[in-house]
Amino acid sequence: ADLCDVIAAMRRHPSEVRIQERGCEKLWIQSWDDENSAAIGRVGGISTILGAMRYFPENQHLQQCGCESLQNLANNEYNCDVICEQGGIDIVVAAMNHHINNAGIQQCGCSALANLAGTEQRIVAIGQQGGLHAILKAAQYYADEESVASTAHQALRALGVDPNRVQQALVPQARPPPPPQPIQPAAPPAAIAAHVRSPKVSPLRQRRSSQEHDQVPKQVFRLDQHGFPIMK
């Protein structure tokens, strides 16, 4: 489907969970292409994705697709500004905090926050809105899962925090038991399901070269007496 058609359908039916899920899936898939990613930002797709995530905070599949989409969209500077202006940092952090038992959401969330951390202003916003704490929690709870732990460490570096210097803050923690699972809706018809790709957690996409990354401010956070990173 055309990007504008997908976004229009999501806007017409904001309370229809199936439409919002499918829409976030399609926008996530399209967002891997840089031109499509830029177009999604220009035609209002970011606000549509964030609206779906706000409306269905309990839907893990939708939250993961949303975080995956934001991760890819944040490889574009204009999109980064839009995501931050429209409350995207808060929404990603809320998804990570609310779904600590979902490894996919933790990895996507860390990656999205890392890709947003391109300026000192955005790094400060991520810290103030709980992003650093959410990344540290992901690193603690998934210390034994390389894909999540490595992405969390990359996100810390993107924020100017050296994971090797905050080992005390990264002591592995046992994950809380998962909440009872709600009854799942009936599967869509096979003819429709055949055209829907299941989300896959992707590795962190590096938006900046190593030289550019070195220019990211390193002094936004400091370590307290216990070795925990805190805002200056």
C-alpha atoms as a PDB file:
ATOM      1  CA  ALA A   1       0.000   0.000   0.000  1.00  0.00           C
ATOM      2  CA  ASP A   2       1.058   3.605  -0.592  1.00  0.00           C
ATOM      3  CA  LEU A   3       2.509   5.332   2.451  1.00  0.00           C
ATOM      4  CA  CYS A   4      -0.169   8.006   2.394  1.00  0.00           C
ATOM      5  CA  ASP A   5      -2.908   5.361   2.175  1.00  0.00           C
ATOM      6  CA  VAL A   6      -1.506   3.525   5.204  1.00  0.00           C
ATOM      7  CA  ILE A   7      -1.249   6.712   7.245  1.00  0.00           C
ATOM      8  CA  ALA A   8      -4.713   7.864   6.166  1.00  0.00           C
ATOM      9  CA  ALA A   9      -6.248   4.516   7.193  1.00  0.00           C
ATOM     10  CA  MET A  10      -4.580   4.705  10.601  1.00  0.00           C
ATOM     11  CA  ARG A  11      -5.874   8.239  11.115  1.00  0.00           C
ATOM     12  CA  ARG A  12      -9.425   7.311  10.091  1.00  0.00           C
ATOM     13  CA  HIS A  13      -9.543   4.371  12.512  1.00  0.00           C
ATOM     14  CA  PRO A  14      -7.433   5.320  15.552  1.00  0.00           C
ATOM     15  CA  SER A  15      -9.268   2.893  17.869  1.00  0.00           C
ATOM     16  CA  GLU A  16      -9.079  -0.158  15.561  1.00  0.00           C
ATOM     17  CA  VAL A  17      -6.203  -2.179  16.962  1.00  0.00           C
ATOM     18  CA  ARG A  18      -5.799  -4.406  13.888  1.00  0.00           C
ATOM     19  CA  ILE A  19      -5.506  -1.418  11.566  1.00  0.00           C
ATOM     20  CA  GLN A  20      -3.022   0.268  13.877  1.00  0.00           C
ATOM     21  CA  GLU A  21      -0.936  -2.910  14.146  1.00  0.00           C
ATOM     22  CA  ARG A  22      -0.877  -3.454  10.390  1.00  0.00           C
ATOM     23  CA  GLY A  23      -0.141   0.208   9.791  1.00  0.00           C
ATOM     24  CA  CYS A  24       2.826   0.210  12.182  1.00  0.00           C
ATOM     25  CA  GLU A  25       4.096  -3.003  10.570  1.00  0.00           C
ATOM     26  CA  LYS A  26       3.932  -1.517   7.088  1.00  0.00           C
ATOM     27  CA  LEU A  27       5.552   1.762   8.119  1.00  0.00           C
ATOM     28  CA  TRP A  28       8.307  -0.169   9.899  1.00  0.00           C
ATOM     29  CA  ILE A  29       9.011  -2.195   6.754  1.00  0.00           C
ATOM     30  CA  GLN A  30       8.962   0.916   4.558  1.00  0.00           C
ATOM     31  CA  SER A  31      11.189   2.851   6.955  1.00  0.00           C
ATOM     32  CA  TRP A  32      14.212   0.690   6.123  1.00  0.00           C
ATOM     33  CA  ASP A  33      14.490   2.610   2.860  1.00  0.00           C
ATOM     34  CA  ASP A  34      16.020   6.053   3.441  1.00  0.00           C
ATOM     35  CA  GLU A  35      13.767   7.804   0.902  1.00  0.00           C
ATOM     36  CA  ASN A  36      10.664   6.216   2.369  1.00  0.00           C
ATOM     37  CA  SER A  37      11.870   7.085   5.860  1.00  0.00           C
ATOM     38  CA  ALA A  38      12.181  10.753   4.896  1.00  0.00           C
ATOM     39  CA  ALA A  39       8.763  10.656   3.238  1.00  0.00           C
ATOM     40  CA  ILE A  40       7.119   9.126   6.315  1.00  0.00           C
ATOM     41  CA  GLY A  41       8.398  12.039   8.372  1.00  0.00           C
ATOM     42  CA  ARG A  42       7.257  14.648   5.866  1.00  0.00           C
ATOM     43  CA  VAL A  43       3.686  13.380   5.488  1.00  0.00           C
ATOM     44  CA  GLY A  44       2.901  13.002   9.188  1.00  0.00           C
ATOM     45  CA  GLY A  45       3.706   9.340   9.693  1.00  0.00           C
ATOM     46  CA  ILE A  46       5.652   9.959  12.885  1.00  0.00           C
ATOM     47  CA  SER A  47       2.706  11.510  14.706  1.00  0.00           C
ATOM     48  CA  THR A  48       0.532   8.631  13.461  1.00  0.00           C
ATOM     49  CA  ILE A  49       2.917   5.997  14.827  1.00  0.00           C
ATOM     50  CA  LEU A  50       3.240   7.816  18.156  1.00  0.00           C
ATOM     51  CA  GLY A  51      -0.547   8.146  18.341  1.00  0.00           C
ATOM     52  CA  ALA A  52      -0.964   4.391  17.904  1.00  0.00           C
ATOM     53  CA  MET A  53       1.625   3.706  20.603  1.00  0.00           C
ATOM     54  CA  ARG A  54      -0.154   6.089  22.993  1.00  0.00           C
ATOM     55  CA  TYR A  55      -3.576   4.556  22.281  1.00  0.00           C
ATOM     56  CA  PHE A  56      -2.482   0.908  22.696  1.00  0.00           C
ATOM     57  CA  PRO A  57       0.252   0.874  25.381  1.00  0.00           C
ATOM     58  CA  GLU A  58      -0.471  -2.763  26.310  1.00  0.00           C
ATOM     59  CA  ASN A  59      -0.083  -4.152  22.786  1.00  0.00           C
ATOM     60  CA  GLN A  60       3.461  -5.508  22.690  1.00  0.00           C
ATOM     61  CA  HIS A  61       3.443  -6.263  18.966  1.00  0.00           C
ATOM     62  CA  LEU A  62       2.394  -2.719  18.119  1.00  0.00           C
ATOM     63  CA  GLN A  63       4.875  -1.228  20.590  1.00  0.00           C
ATOM     64  CA  GLN A  64       7.728  -3.221  19.075  1.00  0.00           C
ATOM     65  CA  CYS A  65       6.781  -2.240  15.513  1.00  0.00           C
ATOM     66  CA  GLY A  66       6.536   1.361  16.667  1.00  0.00           C
ATOM     67  CA  CYS A  67       9.966   1.317  18.300  1.00  0.00           C
ATOM     68  CA  GLU A  68      11.452  -0.387  15.225  1.00  0.00           C
ATOM     69  CA  SER A  69       9.947   2.297  13.011  1.00  0.00           C
ATOM     70  CA  LEU A  70      11.266   5.099  15.223  1.00  0.00           C
ATOM     71  CA  GLN A  71      14.709   3.481  15.257  1.00  0.00           C
ATOM     72  CA  ASN A  72      14.851   3.654  11.453  1.00  0.00           C
ATOM     73  CA  LEU A  73      13.184   7.050  11.157  1.00  0.00           C
ATOM     74  CA  ALA A  74      15.730   8.516  13.569  1.00  0.00           C
ATOM     75  CA  ASN A  75      18.456   8.073  10.958  1.00  0.00           C
ATOM     76  CA  ASN A  76      17.126  11.317   9.460  1.00  0.00           C
ATOM     77  CA  GLU A  77      17.821  14.614  11.265  1.00  0.00           C
ATOM     78  CA  TYR A  78      14.449  16.145  10.382  1.00  0.00           C
ATOM     79  CA  ASN A  79      12.711  13.041  11.693  1.00  0.00           C
ATOM     80  CA  CYS A  80      14.743  13.193  14.913  1.00  0.00           C
ATOM     81  CA  ASP A  81      13.496  16.698  15.570  1.00  0.00           C
ATOM     82  CA  VAL A  82       9.884  15.693  14.879  1.00  0.00           C
ATOM     83  CA  ILE A  83      10.099  12.609  17.096  1.00  0.00           C
ATOM     84  CA  CYS A  84      11.437  14.650  19.998  1.00  0.00           C
ATOM     85  CA  GLU A  85       9.013  17.547  19.510  1.00  0.00           C
ATOM     86  CA  GLN A  86       6.036  15.175  19.521  1.00  0.00           C
ATOM     87  CA  GLY A  87       6.961  13.289  22.668  1.00  0.00           C
ATOM     88  CA  GLY A  88       8.636  10.302  21.067  1.00  0.00           C
ATOM     89  CA  ILE A  89      11.303   9.950  23.749  1.00  0.00           C
ATOM     90  CA  ASP A  90       8.659   9.636  26.475  1.00  0.00           C
ATOM     91  CA  ILE A  91       6.745   7.068  24.423  1.00  0.00           C
ATOM     92  CA  VAL A  92       9.801   4.896  23.767  1.00  0.00           C
ATOM     93  CA  VAL A  93      10.810   5.058  27.439  1.00  0.00           C
ATOM     94  CA  ALA A  94       7.263   4.184  28.517  1.00  0.00           C
ATOM     95  CA  ALA A  95       7.246   1.169  26.183  1.00  0.00           C
ATOM     96  CA  MET A  96      10.559  -0.051  27.592  1.00  0.00           C
ATOM     97  CA  ASN A  97       9.496   0.425  31.209  1.00  0.00           C
ATOM     98  CA  HIS A  98       6.082  -1.163  30.702  1.00  0.00           C
ATOM     99  CA  HIS A  99       7.336  -4.176  28.732  1.00  0.00           C
ATOM    100  CA  ILE A 100      10.555  -5.063  30.524  1.00  0.00           C
ATOM    101  CA  ASN A 101       9.897  -8.757  29.760  1.00  0.00           C
ATOM    102  CA  ASN A 102       9.907  -8.188  25.995  1.00  0.00           C
ATOM    103  CA  ALA A 103      13.463  -8.419  24.669  1.00  0.00           C
ATOM    104  CA  GLY A 104      12.453  -7.062  21.272  1.00  0.00           C
ATOM    105  CA  ILE A 105      11.023  -3.863  22.730  1.00  0.00           C
ATOM    106  CA  GLN A 106      14.109  -3.418  24.918  1.00  0.00           C
ATOM    107  CA  GLN A 107      16.475  -3.759  21.970  1.00  0.00           C
ATOM    108  CA  CYS A 108      14.406  -1.588  19.631  1.00  0.00           C
ATOM    109  CA  GLY A 109      13.953   1.022  22.343  1.00  0.00           C
ATOM    110  CA  CYS A 110      17.685   1.204  23.085  1.00  0.00           C
ATOM    111  CA  SER A 111      18.408   1.501  19.378  1.00  0.00           C
ATOM    112  CA  ALA A 112      15.815   4.222  18.880  1.00  0.00           C
ATOM    113  CA  LEU A 113      17.188   6.273  21.781  1.00  0.00           C
ATOM    114  CA  ALA A 114      20.742   5.821  20.521  1.00  0.00           C
ATOM    115  CA  ASN A 115      19.831   7.044  17.052  1.00  0.00           C
ATOM    116  CA  LEU A 116      18.079  10.069  18.541  1.00  0.00           C
ATOM    117  CA  ALA A 117      21.156  11.048  20.564  1.00  0.00           C
ATOM    118  CA  GLY A 118      22.785  13.186  17.893  1.00  0.00           C
ATOM    119  CA  THR A 119      22.959  16.538  19.676  1.00  0.00           C
ATOM    120  CA  GLU A 120      23.634  17.686  23.213  1.00  0.00           C
ATOM    121  CA  GLN A 121      20.082  19.020  23.475  1.00  0.00           C
ATOM    122  CA  ARG A 122      18.607  15.640  22.589  1.00  0.00           C
ATOM    123  CA  ILE A 123      21.015  13.780  24.882  1.00  0.00           C
ATOM    124  CA  VAL A 124      19.891  16.010  27.746  1.00  0.00           C
ATOM    125  CA  ALA A 125      16.240  15.376  26.845  1.00  0.00           C
ATOM    126  CA  ILE A 126      16.796  11.613  26.815  1.00  0.00           C
ATOM    127  CA  GLY A 127      18.390  11.810  30.270  1.00  0.00           C
ATOM    128  CA  GLN A 128      15.694  14.057  31.701  1.00  0.00           C
ATOM    129  CA  GLN A 129      12.873  11.879  30.352  1.00  0.00           C
ATOM    130  CA  GLY A 130      14.191   8.635  31.809  1.00  0.00           C
ATOM    131  CA  GLY A 131      15.928   7.250  28.745  1.00  0.00           C
ATOM    132  CA  LEU A 132      19.265   6.631  30.458  1.00  0.00           C
ATOM    133  CA  HIS A 133      17.533   4.765  33.286  1.00  0.00           C
ATOM    134  CA  ALA A 134      15.567   2.639  30.781  1.00  0.00           C
ATOM    135  CA  ILE A 135      18.743   1.731  28.897  1.00  0.00           C
ATOM    136  CA  LEU A 136      20.509   0.772  32.142  1.00  0.00           C
ATOM    137  CA  LYS A 137      17.545  -1.421  33.117  1.00  0.00           C
ATOM    138  CA  ALA A 138      17.654  -3.170  29.740  1.00  0.00           C
ATOM    139  CA  ALA A 139      21.372  -3.826  30.189  1.00  0.00           C
ATOM    140  CA  GLN A 140      20.775  -5.209  33.707  1.00  0.00           C
ATOM    141  CA  TYR A 141      17.805  -7.436  32.936  1.00  0.00           C
ATOM    142  CA  TYR A 142      19.254  -8.762  29.660  1.00  0.00           C
ATOM    143  CA  ALA A 143      22.923  -9.074  30.614  1.00  0.00           C
ATOM    144  CA  ASP A 144      22.763 -12.720  29.469  1.00  0.00           C
ATOM    145  CA  GLU A 145      21.298 -11.885  26.035  1.00  0.00           C
ATOM    146  CA  GLU A 146      24.024 -10.573  23.792  1.00  0.00           C
ATOM    147  CA  SER A 147      21.771  -8.861  21.246  1.00  0.00           C
ATOM    148  CA  VAL A 148      20.010  -6.705  23.855  1.00  0.00           C
ATOM    149  CA  ALA A 149      23.051  -6.119  26.059  1.00  0.00           C
ATOM    150  CA  SER A 150      25.273  -5.013  23.167  1.00  0.00           C
ATOM    151  CA  THR A 151      22.609  -2.634  21.853  1.00  0.00           C
ATOM    152  CA  ALA A 152      22.153  -1.173  25.343  1.00  0.00           C
ATOM    153  CA  HIS A 153      25.914  -0.633  25.603  1.00  0.00           C
ATOM    154  CA  GLN A 154      25.925   1.059  22.190  1.00  0.00           C
ATOM    155  CA  ALA A 155      23.110   3.299  23.371  1.00  0.00           C
ATOM    156  CA  LEU A 156      25.095   4.246  26.475  1.00  0.00           C
ATOM    157  CA  ARG A 157      28.055   5.179  24.292  1.00  0.00           C
ATOM    158  CA  ALA A 158      25.782   7.276  22.077  1.00  0.00           C
ATOM    159  CA  LEU A 159      24.811   9.195  25.225  1.00  0.00           C
ATOM    160  CA  GLY A 160      28.463   9.704  26.112  1.00  0.00           C
ATOM    161  CA  VAL A 161      28.472   7.095  28.909  1.00  0.00           C
ATOM    162  CA  ASP A 162      31.244   4.479  28.858  1.00  0.00           C
ATOM    163  CA  PRO A 163      29.695   1.092  29.813  1.00  0.00           C
ATOM    164  CA  ASN A 164      33.076  -0.019  31.155  1.00  0.00           C
ATOM    165  CA  ARG A 165      32.971   2.762  33.758  1.00  0.00           C
ATOM    166  CA  VAL A 166      29.458   2.022  35.049  1.00  0.00           C
ATOM    167  CA  GLN A 167      29.753  -1.701  35.751  1.00  0.00           C
ATOM    168  CA  GLN A 168      28.287  -1.223  39.233  1.00  0.00           C
ATOM    169  CA  ALA A 169      25.163   0.236  37.631  1.00  0.00           C
ATOM    170  CA  LEU A 170      24.980  -2.742  35.262  1.00  0.00           C
ATOM    171  CA  VAL A 171      24.814  -5.554  37.832  1.00  0.00           C
ATOM    172  CA  PRO A 172      22.560  -8.210  36.285  1.00  0.00           C
ATOM    173  CA  GLN A 173      19.027  -8.275  37.711  1.00  0.00           C
ATOM    174  CA  ALA A 174      16.367 -10.976  37.586  1.00  0.00           C
ATOM    175  CA  ARG A 175      13.487 -10.030  35.329  1.00  0.00           C
ATOM    176  CA  PRO A 176      10.070  -9.804  37.009  1.00  0.00           C
ATOM    177  CA  PRO A 177       7.548 -12.496  36.067  1.00  0.00           C
ATOM    178  CA  PRO A 178       5.546 -11.686  32.927  1.00  0.00           C
ATOM    179  CA  PRO A 179       1.987 -10.407  33.436  1.00  0.00           C
ATOM    180  CA  PRO A 180      -0.978 -12.605  32.480  1.00  0.00           C
ATOM    181  CA  GLN A 181      -1.394 -12.636  28.727  1.00  0.00           C
ATOM    182  CA  PRO A 182      -4.677 -11.254  27.364  1.00  0.00           C
ATOM    183  CA  ILE A 183      -6.803 -13.328  25.030  1.00  0.00           C
ATOM    184  CA  GLN A 184      -5.458 -12.829  21.531  1.00  0.00           C
ATOM    185  CA  PRO A 185      -7.810 -11.812  18.706  1.00  0.00           C
ATOM    186  CA  ALA A 186      -8.542 -14.281  15.952  1.00  0.00           C
ATOM    187  CA  ALA A 187      -5.884 -14.589  13.291  1.00  0.00           C
ATOM    188  CA  PRO A 188      -6.486 -12.600  10.103  1.00  0.00           C
ATOM    189  CA  PRO A 189      -7.487 -14.450   6.938  1.00  0.00           C
ATOM    190  CA  ALA A 190      -4.596 -16.291   5.292  1.00  0.00           C
ATOM    191  CA  ALA A 191      -4.834 -14.116   2.196  1.00  0.00           C
ATOM    192  CA  ILE A 192      -4.130 -11.023   4.330  1.00  0.00           C
ATOM    193  CA  ALA A 193      -1.639 -12.629   6.700  1.00  0.00           C
ATOM    194  CA  ALA A 194       0.492 -13.770   3.753  1.00  0.00           C
ATOM    195  CA  HIS A 195       1.317 -10.158   2.957  1.00  0.00           C
ATOM    196  CA  VAL A 196       2.350  -9.200   6.507  1.00  0.00           C
ATOM    197  CA  ARG A 197       5.991  -9.657   7.488  1.00  0.00           C
ATOM    198  CA  SER A 198       6.617 -10.593  11.096  1.00  0.00           C
ATOM    199  CA  PRO A 199       8.738  -7.965  12.851  1.00  0.00           C
ATOM    200  CA  LYS A 200      12.354  -8.872  13.486  1.00  0.00           C
ATOM    201  CA  VAL A 201      14.586  -7.030  15.903  1.00  0.00           C
ATOM    202  CA  SER A 202      17.399  -5.390  13.980  1.00  0.00           C
ATOM    203  CA  PRO A 203      20.873  -4.360  15.161  1.00  0.00           C
ATOM    204  CA  LEU A 204      21.568  -0.716  15.889  1.00  0.00           C
ATOM    205  CA  ARG A 205      21.924   1.240  12.652  1.00  0.00           C
ATOM    206  CA  GLN A 206      24.893   3.581  12.942  1.00  0.00           C
ATOM    207  CA  ARG A 207      23.761   7.014  11.735  1.00  0.00           C
ATOM    208  CA  ARG A 208      27.087   8.697  12.349  1.00  0.00           C
ATOM    209  CA  SER A 209      30.619   7.809  11.279  1.00  0.00           C
ATOM    210  CA  SER A 210      33.094   7.091  14.068  1.00  0.00           C
ATOM    211  CA  GLN A 211      34.626  10.547  13.556  1.00  0.00           C
ATOM    212  CA  GLU A 212      31.233  12.243  13.837  1.00  0.00           C
ATOM    213  CA  HIS A 213      30.380  10.098  16.852  1.00  0.00           C
ATOM    214  CA  ASP A 214      33.483  11.373  18.632  1.00  0.00           C
ATOM    215  CA  GLN A 215      32.020  14.875  18.357  1.00  0.00           C
ATOM    216  CA  VAL A 216      28.942  13.973  20.419  1.00  0.00           C
ATOM    217  CA  PRO A 217      29.162  15.816  23.789  1.00  0.00           C
ATOM    218  CA  LYS A 218      30.640  13.581  26.482  1.00  0.00           C
ATOM    219  CA  GLN A 219      29.950  15.699  29.564  1.00  0.00           C
ATOM    220  CA  VAL A 220      26.149  15.571  29.873  1.00  0.00           C
ATOM    221  CA  PHE A 221      26.310  12.864  32.575  1.00  0.00           C
ATOM    222  CA  ARG A 222      28.673  12.287  35.467  1.00  0.00           C
ATOM    223  CA  LEU A 223      29.196   9.336  37.808  1.00  0.00           C
ATOM    224  CA  ASP A 224      28.051   9.597  41.413  1.00  0.00           C
ATOM    225  CA  GLN A 225      30.000   8.139  44.335  1.00  0.00           C
ATOM    226  CA  HIS A 226      28.509   4.708  43.649  1.00  0.00           C
ATOM    227  CA  GLY A 227      29.456   4.699  39.969  1.00  0.00           C
ATOM    228  CA  PHE A 228      25.959   5.415  38.646  1.00  0.00           C
ATOM    229  CA  PRO A 229      25.625   7.879  35.736  1.00  0.00           C
ATOM    230  CA  ILE A 230      23.492  10.904  36.610  1.00  0.00           C
ATOM    231  CA  MET A 231      22.683  14.225  34.970  1.00  0.00           C
ATOM    232  CA  LYS A 232      25.186  17.000  35.643  1.00  0.00           C
END
